[in-house]
């Protein structure tokens, strides 16, 4: 399973999102810190779920990181989050 697929599966299970887009933006960071040949180092996640409606921005980010888990987060160099409730 790719990192993109793992992110998608974990966020779908945790939040049942109305919309979810996981973009591997690694190629845009070629030559920068954290870049790995083959990608899967830099991601952008766009997610909309009712679970986020009453959360602050920080609470949303913490919830996403918790859902992904420390092992998966540890394999990602950069994670940009766009979250809507």
PDB file of N, CA and C in Angstrom:
ATOM      1  N   UNK A   1       0.856  -1.173   0.000  1.00  0.00           N
ATOM      2  CA  UNK A   1       0.000   0.000   0.000  1.00  0.00           C
ATOM      3  C   UNK A   1       0.906   1.241   0.000  1.00  0.00           C
ATOM      4  N   UNK A   2       0.585   2.194  -0.860  1.00  0.00           N
ATOM      5  CA  UNK A   2       1.369   3.424  -0.915  1.00  0.00           C
ATOM      6  C   UNK A   2       1.017   4.327   0.260  1.00  0.00           C
ATOM      7  N   UNK A   3       1.847   5.321   0.500  1.00  0.00           N
ATOM      8  CA  UNK A   3       1.567   6.284   1.564  1.00  0.00           C
ATOM      9  C   UNK A   3       0.269   7.025   1.258  1.00  0.00           C
ATOM     10  N   UNK A   4       0.059   7.375   0.012  1.00  0.00           N
ATOM     11  CA  UNK A   4      -1.186   8.045  -0.389  1.00  0.00           C
ATOM     12  C   UNK A   4      -2.398   7.188  -0.028  1.00  0.00           C
ATOM     13  N   UNK A   5      -2.325   5.903  -0.307  1.00  0.00           N
ATOM     14  CA  UNK A   5      -3.426   4.993   0.008  1.00  0.00           C
ATOM     15  C   UNK A   5      -3.612   4.849   1.516  1.00  0.00           C
ATOM     16  N   UNK A   6      -2.510   4.807   2.269  1.00  0.00           N
ATOM     17  CA  UNK A   6      -2.604   4.719   3.731  1.00  0.00           C
ATOM     18  C   UNK A   6      -3.268   5.959   4.314  1.00  0.00           C
ATOM     19  N   UNK A   7      -2.858   7.136   3.841  1.00  0.00           N
ATOM     20  CA  UNK A   7      -3.456   8.385   4.320  1.00  0.00           C
ATOM     21  C   UNK A   7      -4.954   8.375   4.023  1.00  0.00           C
ATOM     22  N   UNK A   8      -5.313   8.032   2.797  1.00  0.00           N
ATOM     23  CA  UNK A   8      -6.717   8.001   2.392  1.00  0.00           C
ATOM     24  C   UNK A   8      -7.517   7.042   3.257  1.00  0.00           C
ATOM     25  N   UNK A   9      -7.005   5.841   3.469  1.00  0.00           N
ATOM     26  CA  UNK A   9      -7.722   4.834   4.255  1.00  0.00           C
ATOM     27  C   UNK A   9      -7.917   5.273   5.704  1.00  0.00           C
ATOM     28  N   UNK A  10      -6.864   5.785   6.315  1.00  0.00           N
ATOM     29  CA  UNK A  10      -6.960   6.170   7.726  1.00  0.00           C
ATOM     30  C   UNK A  10      -7.890   7.355   7.940  1.00  0.00           C
ATOM     31  N   UNK A  11      -7.827   8.342   7.047  1.00  0.00           N
ATOM     32  CA  UNK A  11      -8.698   9.507   7.197  1.00  0.00           C
ATOM     33  C   UNK A  11     -10.155   9.157   6.891  1.00  0.00           C
ATOM     34  N   UNK A  12     -10.374   8.280   5.933  1.00  0.00           N
ATOM     35  CA  UNK A  12     -11.735   7.835   5.617  1.00  0.00           C
ATOM     36  C   UNK A  12     -12.329   7.091   6.803  1.00  0.00           C
ATOM     37  N   UNK A  13     -11.556   6.210   7.401  1.00  0.00           N
ATOM     38  CA  UNK A  13     -12.031   5.448   8.554  1.00  0.00           C
ATOM     39  C   UNK A  13     -12.318   6.345   9.754  1.00  0.00           C
ATOM     40  N   UNK A  14     -11.448   7.310   9.994  1.00  0.00           N
ATOM     41  CA  UNK A  14     -11.570   8.155  11.183  1.00  0.00           C
ATOM     42  C   UNK A  14     -12.663   9.214  11.068  1.00  0.00           C
ATOM     43  N   UNK A  15     -12.869   9.777   9.869  1.00  0.00           N
ATOM     44  CA  UNK A  15     -13.741  10.951   9.755  1.00  0.00           C
ATOM     45  C   UNK A  15     -14.915  10.808   8.792  1.00  0.00           C
ATOM     46  N   UNK A  16     -15.008   9.733   8.030  1.00  0.00           N
ATOM     47  CA  UNK A  16     -16.076   9.575   7.030  1.00  0.00           C
ATOM     48  C   UNK A  16     -16.289  10.889   6.268  1.00  0.00           C
ATOM     49  N   UNK A  17     -15.258  11.375   5.592  1.00  0.00           N
ATOM     50  CA  UNK A  17     -15.341  12.693   4.967  1.00  0.00           C
ATOM     51  C   UNK A  17     -16.335  12.774   3.813  1.00  0.00           C
ATOM     52  N   UNK A  18     -16.883  13.970   3.663  1.00  0.00           N
ATOM     53  CA  UNK A  18     -17.751  14.264   2.519  1.00  0.00           C
ATOM     54  C   UNK A  18     -16.904  14.461   1.280  1.00  0.00           C
ATOM     55  N   UNK A  19     -15.685  14.941   1.479  1.00  0.00           N
ATOM     56  CA  UNK A  19     -14.734  15.143   0.383  1.00  0.00           C
ATOM     57  C   UNK A  19     -13.337  14.882   0.930  1.00  0.00           C
ATOM     58  N   UNK A  20     -12.515  14.210   0.127  1.00  0.00           N
ATOM     59  CA  UNK A  20     -11.140  13.920   0.533  1.00  0.00           C
ATOM     60  C   UNK A  20     -10.270  13.843  -0.704  1.00  0.00           C
ATOM     61  N   UNK A  21      -9.201  14.602  -0.693  1.00  0.00           N
ATOM     62  CA  UNK A  21      -8.234  14.595  -1.775  1.00  0.00           C
ATOM     63  C   UNK A  21      -6.847  14.532  -1.149  1.00  0.00           C
ATOM     64  N   UNK A  22      -6.057  13.535  -1.528  1.00  0.00           N
ATOM     65  CA  UNK A  22      -4.699  13.375  -1.030  1.00  0.00           C
ATOM     66  C   UNK A  22      -3.773  13.499  -2.229  1.00  0.00           C
ATOM     67  N   UNK A  23      -2.976  14.558  -2.233  1.00  0.00           N
ATOM     68  CA  UNK A  23      -2.087  14.841  -3.355  1.00  0.00           C
ATOM     69  C   UNK A  23      -0.640  14.628  -2.951  1.00  0.00           C
ATOM     70  N   UNK A  24       0.095  13.847  -3.735  1.00  0.00           N
ATOM     71  CA  UNK A  24       1.527  13.667  -3.532  1.00  0.00           C
ATOM     72  C   UNK A  24       2.224  14.783  -4.310  1.00  0.00           C
ATOM     73  N   UNK A  25       2.730  15.780  -3.586  1.00  0.00           N
ATOM     74  CA  UNK A  25       3.385  16.937  -4.204  1.00  0.00           C
ATOM     75  C   UNK A  25       4.907  16.818  -4.161  1.00  0.00           C
ATOM     76  N   UNK A  26       5.407  15.620  -3.954  1.00  0.00           N
ATOM     77  CA  UNK A  26       6.841  15.402  -3.769  1.00  0.00           C
ATOM     78  C   UNK A  26       7.668  15.921  -4.941  1.00  0.00           C
ATOM     79  N   UNK A  27       7.220  15.680  -6.161  1.00  0.00           N
ATOM     80  CA  UNK A  27       7.997  16.084  -7.329  1.00  0.00           C
ATOM     81  C   UNK A  27       8.224  17.591  -7.368  1.00  0.00           C
ATOM     82  N   UNK A  28       7.314  18.351  -6.805  1.00  0.00           N
ATOM     83  CA  UNK A  28       7.463  19.810  -6.758  1.00  0.00           C
ATOM     84  C   UNK A  28       8.600  20.224  -5.826  1.00  0.00           C
ATOM     85  N   UNK A  29       9.078  19.280  -5.005  1.00  0.00           N
ATOM     86  CA  UNK A  29      10.101  19.576  -4.009  1.00  0.00           C
ATOM     87  C   UNK A  29      11.431  18.896  -4.327  1.00  0.00           C
ATOM     88  N   UNK A  30      11.596  18.435  -5.556  1.00  0.00           N
ATOM     89  CA  UNK A  30      12.839  17.797  -5.971  1.00  0.00           C
ATOM     90  C   UNK A  30      14.006  18.750  -5.697  1.00  0.00           C
ATOM     91  N   UNK A  31      15.023  18.230  -5.037  1.00  0.00           N
ATOM     92  CA  UNK A  31      16.194  19.041  -4.704  1.00  0.00           C
ATOM     93  C   UNK A  31      16.090  19.757  -3.366  1.00  0.00           C
ATOM     94  N   UNK A  32      14.923  19.705  -2.736  1.00  0.00           N
ATOM     95  CA  UNK A  32      14.728  20.349  -1.434  1.00  0.00           C
ATOM     96  C   UNK A  32      14.913  19.329  -0.316  1.00  0.00           C
ATOM     97  N   UNK A  33      14.999  19.821   0.887  1.00  0.00           N
ATOM     98  CA  UNK A  33      15.149  18.953   2.058  1.00  0.00           C
ATOM     99  C   UNK A  33      13.974  17.980   2.148  1.00  0.00           C
ATOM    100  N   UNK A  34      14.287  16.749   2.476  1.00  0.00           N
ATOM    101  CA  UNK A  34      13.258  15.754   2.694  1.00  0.00           C
ATOM    102  C   UNK A  34      12.776  15.037   1.449  1.00  0.00           C
ATOM    103  N   UNK A  35      13.199  15.504   0.265  1.00  0.00           N
ATOM    104  CA  UNK A  35      12.768  14.853  -0.970  1.00  0.00           C
ATOM    105  C   UNK A  35      13.390  13.466  -1.056  1.00  0.00           C
ATOM    106  N   UNK A  36      12.582  12.481  -1.459  1.00  0.00           N
ATOM    107  CA  UNK A  36      13.073  11.126  -1.700  1.00  0.00           C
ATOM    108  C   UNK A  36      12.751  10.732  -3.137  1.00  0.00           C
ATOM    109  N   UNK A  37      13.691  10.099  -3.788  1.00  0.00           N
ATOM    110  CA  UNK A  37      13.461   9.588  -5.138  1.00  0.00           C
ATOM    111  C   UNK A  37      12.259   8.649  -5.094  1.00  0.00           C
ATOM    112  N   UNK A  38      11.352   8.815  -6.006  1.00  0.00           N
ATOM    113  CA  UNK A  38      10.136   8.000  -6.020  1.00  0.00           C
ATOM    114  C   UNK A  38       8.957   8.683  -5.351  1.00  0.00           C
ATOM    115  N   UNK A  39       9.206   9.811  -4.700  1.00  0.00           N
ATOM    116  CA  UNK A  39       8.109  10.581  -4.101  1.00  0.00           C
ATOM    117  C   UNK A  39       7.677  10.080  -2.745  1.00  0.00           C
ATOM    118  N   UNK A  40       6.424  10.344  -2.431  1.00  0.00           N
ATOM    119  CA  UNK A  40       5.807   9.981  -1.162  1.00  0.00           C
ATOM    120  C   UNK A  40       6.502  10.595   0.050  1.00  0.00           C
ATOM    121  N   UNK A  41       6.883  11.860  -0.092  1.00  0.00           N
ATOM    122  CA  UNK A  41       7.507  12.582   1.023  1.00  0.00           C
ATOM    123  C   UNK A  41       6.775  13.876   1.361  1.00  0.00           C
ATOM    124  N   UNK A  42       6.118  14.487   0.396  1.00  0.00           N
ATOM    125  CA  UNK A  42       5.427  15.764   0.565  1.00  0.00           C
ATOM    126  C   UNK A  42       3.972  15.609   0.110  1.00  0.00           C
ATOM    127  N   UNK A  43       3.036  15.902   1.011  1.00  0.00           N
ATOM    128  CA  UNK A  43       1.623  15.704   0.697  1.00  0.00           C
ATOM    129  C   UNK A  43       0.788  16.933   1.027  1.00  0.00           C
ATOM    130  N   UNK A  44      -0.316  17.057   0.285  1.00  0.00           N
ATOM    131  CA  UNK A  44      -1.364  18.041   0.570  1.00  0.00           C
ATOM    132  C   UNK A  44      -2.655  17.252   0.727  1.00  0.00           C
ATOM    133  N   UNK A  45      -3.357  17.484   1.829  1.00  0.00           N
ATOM    134  CA  UNK A  45      -4.630  16.817   2.086  1.00  0.00           C
ATOM    135  C   UNK A  45      -5.718  17.875   2.153  1.00  0.00           C
ATOM    136  N   UNK A  46      -6.746  17.675   1.349  1.00  0.00           N
ATOM    137  CA  UNK A  46      -7.945  18.508   1.403  1.00  0.00           C
ATOM    138  C   UNK A  46      -9.063  17.609   1.894  1.00  0.00           C
ATOM    139  N   UNK A  47      -9.660  17.995   3.000  1.00  0.00           N
ATOM    140  CA  UNK A  47     -10.683  17.133   3.609  1.00  0.00           C
ATOM    141  C   UNK A  47     -11.827  17.986   4.159  1.00  0.00           C
ATOM    142  N   UNK A  48     -13.034  17.485   3.976  1.00  0.00           N
ATOM    143  CA  UNK A  48     -14.229  18.125   4.535  1.00  0.00           C
ATOM    144  C   UNK A  48     -15.034  17.037   5.233  1.00  0.00           C
ATOM    145  N   UNK A  49     -15.328  17.265   6.504  1.00  0.00           N
ATOM    146  CA  UNK A  49     -16.098  16.293   7.281  1.00  0.00           C
ATOM    147  C   UNK A  49     -16.844  17.009   8.407  1.00  0.00           C
ATOM    148  N   UNK A  50     -18.060  16.566   8.701  1.00  0.00           N
ATOM    149  CA  UNK A  50     -18.818  17.165   9.791  1.00  0.00           C
ATOM    150  C   UNK A  50     -18.085  17.110  11.134  1.00  0.00           C
ATOM    151  N   UNK A  51     -17.246  16.123  11.324  1.00  0.00           N
ATOM    152  CA  UNK A  51     -16.513  15.979  12.590  1.00  0.00           C
ATOM    153  C   UNK A  51     -15.655  17.201  12.911  1.00  0.00           C
ATOM    154  N   UNK A  52     -15.279  17.955  11.899  1.00  0.00           N
ATOM    155  CA  UNK A  52     -14.414  19.116  12.103  1.00  0.00           C
ATOM    156  C   UNK A  52     -15.177  20.409  12.400  1.00  0.00           C
ATOM    157  N   UNK A  53     -16.485  20.376  12.301  1.00  0.00           N
ATOM    158  CA  UNK A  53     -17.307  21.596  12.385  1.00  0.00           C
ATOM    159  C   UNK A  53     -17.073  22.405  13.654  1.00  0.00           C
ATOM    160  N   UNK A  54     -16.966  21.763  14.776  1.00  0.00           N
ATOM    161  CA  UNK A  54     -16.829  22.476  16.053  1.00  0.00           C
ATOM    162  C   UNK A  54     -15.384  22.587  16.533  1.00  0.00           C
ATOM    163  N   UNK A  55     -14.437  22.157  15.713  1.00  0.00           N
ATOM    164  CA  UNK A  55     -13.030  22.175  16.118  1.00  0.00           C
ATOM    165  C   UNK A  55     -12.323  23.435  15.650  1.00  0.00           C
ATOM    166  N   UNK A  56     -11.351  23.868  16.434  1.00  0.00           N
ATOM    167  CA  UNK A  56     -10.477  24.962  16.010  1.00  0.00           C
ATOM    168  C   UNK A  56      -9.491  24.414  14.981  1.00  0.00           C
ATOM    169  N   UNK A  57      -8.765  25.281  14.348  1.00  0.00           N
ATOM    170  CA  UNK A  57      -7.773  24.859  13.356  1.00  0.00           C
ATOM    171  C   UNK A  57      -6.746  23.915  13.986  1.00  0.00           C
ATOM    172  N   UNK A  58      -6.270  24.239  15.146  1.00  0.00           N
ATOM    173  CA  UNK A  58      -5.280  23.405  15.821  1.00  0.00           C
ATOM    174  C   UNK A  58      -5.876  22.051  16.191  1.00  0.00           C
ATOM    175  N   UNK A  59      -7.099  22.036  16.677  1.00  0.00           N
ATOM    176  CA  UNK A  59      -7.758  20.772  17.019  1.00  0.00           C
ATOM    177  C   UNK A  59      -7.934  19.886  15.780  1.00  0.00           C
ATOM    178  N   UNK A  60      -8.259  20.503  14.656  1.00  0.00           N
ATOM    179  CA  UNK A  60      -8.410  19.750  13.407  1.00  0.00           C
ATOM    180  C   UNK A  60      -7.094  19.094  13.014  1.00  0.00           C
ATOM    181  N   UNK A  61      -6.015  19.867  13.072  1.00  0.00           N
ATOM    182  CA  UNK A  61      -4.696  19.339  12.696  1.00  0.00           C
ATOM    183  C   UNK A  61      -4.267  18.228  13.655  1.00  0.00           C
ATOM    184  N   UNK A  62      -4.496  18.412  14.931  1.00  0.00           N
ATOM    185  CA  UNK A  62      -4.153  17.375  15.911  1.00  0.00           C
ATOM    186  C   UNK A  62      -4.961  16.105  15.669  1.00  0.00           C
ATOM    187  N   UNK A  63      -6.234  16.246  15.343  1.00  0.00           N
ATOM    188  CA  UNK A  63      -7.089  15.088  15.092  1.00  0.00           C
ATOM    189  C   UNK A  63      -6.604  14.315  13.865  1.00  0.00           C
ATOM    190  N   UNK A  64      -6.207  15.030  12.833  1.00  0.00           N
ATOM    191  CA  UNK A  64      -5.700  14.379  11.622  1.00  0.00           C
ATOM    192  C   UNK A  64      -4.396  13.654  11.919  1.00  0.00           C
ATOM    193  N   UNK A  65      -3.495  14.308  12.614  1.00  0.00           N
ATOM    194  CA  UNK A  65      -2.220  13.659  12.967  1.00  0.00           C
ATOM    195  C   UNK A  65      -2.460  12.421  13.836  1.00  0.00           C
ATOM    196  N   UNK A  66      -3.398  12.490  14.753  1.00  0.00           N
ATOM    197  CA  UNK A  66      -3.716  11.341  15.608  1.00  0.00           C
ATOM    198  C   UNK A  66      -4.287  10.196  14.768  1.00  0.00           C
ATOM    199  N   UNK A  67      -5.153  10.514  13.810  1.00  0.00           N
ATOM    200  CA  UNK A  67      -5.747   9.490  12.959  1.00  0.00           C
ATOM    201  C   UNK A  67      -4.695   8.818  12.077  1.00  0.00           C
ATOM    202  N   UNK A  68      -3.731   9.586  11.624  1.00  0.00           N
ATOM    203  CA  UNK A  68      -2.673   9.017  10.787  1.00  0.00           C
ATOM    204  C   UNK A  68      -1.720   8.157  11.614  1.00  0.00           C
ATOM    205  N   UNK A  69      -1.487   8.569  12.843  1.00  0.00           N
ATOM    206  CA  UNK A  69      -0.602   7.810  13.726  1.00  0.00           C
ATOM    207  C   UNK A  69       0.858   8.213  13.574  1.00  0.00           C
ATOM    208  N   UNK A  70       1.633   8.068  14.634  1.00  0.00           N
ATOM    209  CA  UNK A  70       3.034   8.523  14.630  1.00  0.00           C
ATOM    210  C   UNK A  70       3.915   7.797  13.621  1.00  0.00           C
ATOM    211  N   UNK A  71       3.647   6.529  13.359  1.00  0.00           N
ATOM    212  CA  UNK A  71       4.481   5.776  12.409  1.00  0.00           C
ATOM    213  C   UNK A  71       4.326   6.335  11.004  1.00  0.00           C
ATOM    214  N   UNK A  72       3.091   6.578  10.578  1.00  0.00           N
ATOM    215  CA  UNK A  72       2.857   7.112   9.238  1.00  0.00           C
ATOM    216  C   UNK A  72       3.331   8.556   9.150  1.00  0.00           C
ATOM    217  N   UNK A  73       3.015   9.368  10.136  1.00  0.00           N
ATOM    218  CA  UNK A  73       3.458  10.770  10.139  1.00  0.00           C
ATOM    219  C   UNK A  73       4.984  10.845  10.084  1.00  0.00           C
ATOM    220  N   UNK A  74       5.656   9.908  10.741  1.00  0.00           N
ATOM    221  CA  UNK A  74       7.112   9.876  10.746  1.00  0.00           C
ATOM    222  C   UNK A  74       7.727   9.603   9.385  1.00  0.00           C
ATOM    223  N   UNK A  75       6.966   9.022   8.475  1.00  0.00           N
ATOM    224  CA  UNK A  75       7.460   8.747   7.118  1.00  0.00           C
ATOM    225  C   UNK A  75       7.191   9.892   6.147  1.00  0.00           C
ATOM    226  N   UNK A  76       6.480  10.902   6.602  1.00  0.00           N
ATOM    227  CA  UNK A  76       6.124  12.041   5.750  1.00  0.00           C
ATOM    228  C   UNK A  76       6.993  13.235   6.133  1.00  0.00           C
ATOM    229  N   UNK A  77       7.628  13.848   5.134  1.00  0.00           N
ATOM    230  CA  UNK A  77       8.459  15.022   5.427  1.00  0.00           C
ATOM    231  C   UNK A  77       7.601  16.273   5.597  1.00  0.00           C
ATOM    232  N   UNK A  78       6.591  16.437   4.738  1.00  0.00           N
ATOM    233  CA  UNK A  78       5.747  17.633   4.791  1.00  0.00           C
ATOM    234  C   UNK A  78       4.299  17.248   4.544  1.00  0.00           C
ATOM    235  N   UNK A  79       3.399  17.830   5.357  1.00  0.00           N
ATOM    236  CA  UNK A  79       1.968  17.555   5.234  1.00  0.00           C
ATOM    237  C   UNK A  79       1.204  18.873   5.333  1.00  0.00           C
ATOM    238  N   UNK A  80       0.680  19.327   4.205  1.00  0.00           N
ATOM    239  CA  UNK A  80      -0.125  20.546   4.173  1.00  0.00           C
ATOM    240  C   UNK A  80      -1.593  20.139   4.302  1.00  0.00           C
ATOM    241  N   UNK A  81      -2.310  20.783   5.204  1.00  0.00           N
ATOM    242  CA  UNK A  81      -3.705  20.423   5.465  1.00  0.00           C
ATOM    243  C   UNK A  81      -4.652  21.568   5.137  1.00  0.00           C
ATOM    244  N   UNK A  82      -5.696  21.248   4.384  1.00  0.00           N
ATOM    245  CA  UNK A  82      -6.798  22.165   4.121  1.00  0.00           C
ATOM    246  C   UNK A  82      -8.047  21.456   4.632  1.00  0.00           C
ATOM    247  N   UNK A  83      -8.575  21.935   5.765  1.00  0.00           N
ATOM    248  CA  UNK A  83      -9.639  21.219   6.468  1.00  0.00           C
ATOM    249  C   UNK A  83     -10.885  22.100   6.578  1.00  0.00           C
ATOM    250  N   UNK A  84     -12.040  21.498   6.238  1.00  0.00           N
ATOM    251  CA  UNK A  84     -13.318  22.184   6.386  1.00  0.00           C
ATOM    252  C   UNK A  84     -14.261  21.314   7.191  1.00  0.00           C
ATOM    253  N   UNK A  85     -15.091  21.958   7.981  1.00  0.00           N
ATOM    254  CA  UNK A  85     -16.066  21.240   8.787  1.00  0.00           C
ATOM    255  C   UNK A  85     -17.396  21.145   8.111  1.00  0.00           C
TER     256      UNK A  85
END
